[in-house]
Amino acid sequence: MANTKTKKYEFRYEVASERNKIPGYILTPKSNRSVETQLKSEHETLQEMQRSALKGELAEVRKQLLEFPEFKREDLKKMLIDSVAEHGRTLEL
């Protein structure tokens, strides 16, 4: 009787070196703790901005917006305006 082995899977996804060979897939990089702390900081700042926006403290909101990179500011403004609009108020930034 011949010993024939069948290959059940072409790639084993649990082996990271094989994932590099799959075209069209993007690998998630290893954890980068500095990015994690930056994201937490930005999240906390965004929450503070939302609170200030709901209270109508425009000067505080504008000051906090400057803590974010320029390419994020327009999206954040839109998010804040929409967030305040959900509560029936308007926000002029």
Protein backbone atom coordinates (compact mmCIF):
# COMPACT_ATOMS: atom_id res chain seq x y z
CA MET A 1 0.00 0.00 0.00
CA ALA A 2 1.46 3.31 -1.05
CA ASN A 3 1.90 5.98 1.52
CA THR A 4 0.27 8.95 -0.13
CA LYS A 5 -0.05 12.18 1.72
CA THR A 6 -2.63 14.65 0.61
CA LYS A 7 -2.07 18.27 1.15
CA LYS A 8 -5.07 19.55 3.04
CA TYR A 9 -4.15 23.22 2.82
CA GLU A 10 -1.94 24.99 0.37
CA PHE A 11 -0.99 27.60 2.97
CA ARG A 12 -1.06 27.34 6.74
CA TYR A 13 -2.29 30.73 7.88
CA GLU A 14 -0.81 30.37 11.34
CA VAL A 15 2.70 30.44 9.91
CA ALA A 16 3.69 34.06 9.39
CA SER A 17 6.42 33.33 6.86
CA GLU A 18 3.89 31.70 4.55
CA ARG A 19 1.53 34.67 4.77
CA ASN A 20 4.16 36.80 3.09
CA LYS A 21 3.74 34.63 0.01
CA ILE A 22 0.01 35.23 -0.42
CA PRO A 23 -0.53 37.99 -2.96
CA GLY A 24 -3.21 40.53 -2.16
CA TYR A 25 -3.04 40.17 1.61
CA ILE A 26 -1.71 42.86 3.90
CA LEU A 27 -0.02 41.69 7.04
CA THR A 28 -0.63 43.46 10.29
CA PRO A 29 2.67 44.64 11.72
CA LYS A 30 3.81 43.65 15.17
CA SER A 31 2.47 45.70 18.03
CA ASN A 32 3.89 49.17 18.22
CA ARG A 33 3.28 50.50 21.72
CA SER A 34 4.17 54.08 20.81
CA VAL A 35 1.32 54.18 18.30
CA GLU A 36 -1.04 52.69 20.88
CA THR A 37 -0.30 55.47 23.37
CA GLN A 38 -0.71 58.09 20.65
CA LEU A 39 -4.13 56.69 19.71
CA LYS A 40 -5.25 56.64 23.34
CA SER A 41 -4.11 60.23 23.75
CA GLU A 42 -5.98 61.30 20.61
CA HIS A 43 -9.09 59.45 21.73
CA GLU A 44 -9.08 61.17 25.12
CA THR A 45 -8.55 64.55 23.46
CA LEU A 46 -11.44 63.87 21.08
CA GLN A 47 -13.72 63.04 24.01
CA GLU A 48 -12.75 66.29 25.74
CA MET A 49 -13.41 68.19 22.51
CA GLN A 50 -16.86 66.64 22.21
CA ARG A 51 -17.70 67.63 25.78
CA SER A 52 -16.49 71.18 25.16
CA ALA A 53 -18.42 71.36 21.89
CA LEU A 54 -21.63 70.22 23.59
CA LYS A 55 -21.13 72.90 26.26
CA GLY A 56 -20.59 75.52 23.53
CA GLU A 57 -16.98 76.31 24.49
CA LEU A 58 -15.71 77.18 21.00
CA ALA A 59 -12.39 78.65 22.11
CA GLU A 60 -11.52 75.44 23.96
CA VAL A 61 -12.53 73.30 20.96
CA ARG A 62 -10.36 75.35 18.60
CA LYS A 63 -7.41 75.07 20.99
CA GLN A 64 -7.81 71.30 21.23
CA LEU A 65 -8.11 70.97 17.45
CA LEU A 66 -4.59 72.37 17.14
CA GLU A 67 -3.26 69.32 19.01
CA PHE A 68 -4.17 67.13 16.02
CA PRO A 69 -2.25 66.93 12.74
CA GLU A 70 -3.55 69.28 10.05
CA PHE A 71 -4.82 66.46 7.81
CA LYS A 72 -7.19 65.25 10.56
CA ARG A 73 -8.68 68.60 11.53
CA GLU A 74 -11.33 68.93 8.79
CA ASP A 75 -12.67 65.45 9.52
CA LEU A 76 -12.72 66.18 13.24
CA LYS A 77 -14.58 69.43 12.66
CA LYS A 78 -17.21 67.59 10.65
CA MET A 79 -17.51 64.92 13.34
CA LEU A 80 -17.94 67.54 16.06
CA ILE A 81 -20.53 69.49 14.08
CA ASP A 82 -22.50 66.29 13.42
CA SER A 83 -22.18 65.22 17.05
CA VAL A 84 -23.53 68.53 18.33
CA ALA A 85 -26.29 68.51 15.67
CA GLU A 86 -27.55 65.18 17.06
CA HIS A 87 -28.37 67.08 20.26
CA GLY A 88 -30.27 69.77 18.39
CA ARG A 89 -27.58 72.43 18.54
CA THR A 90 -25.31 74.08 15.99
CA LEU A 91 -21.57 74.47 16.15
CA GLU A 92 -19.67 77.08 14.12
CA LEU A 93 -16.00 76.20 13.72
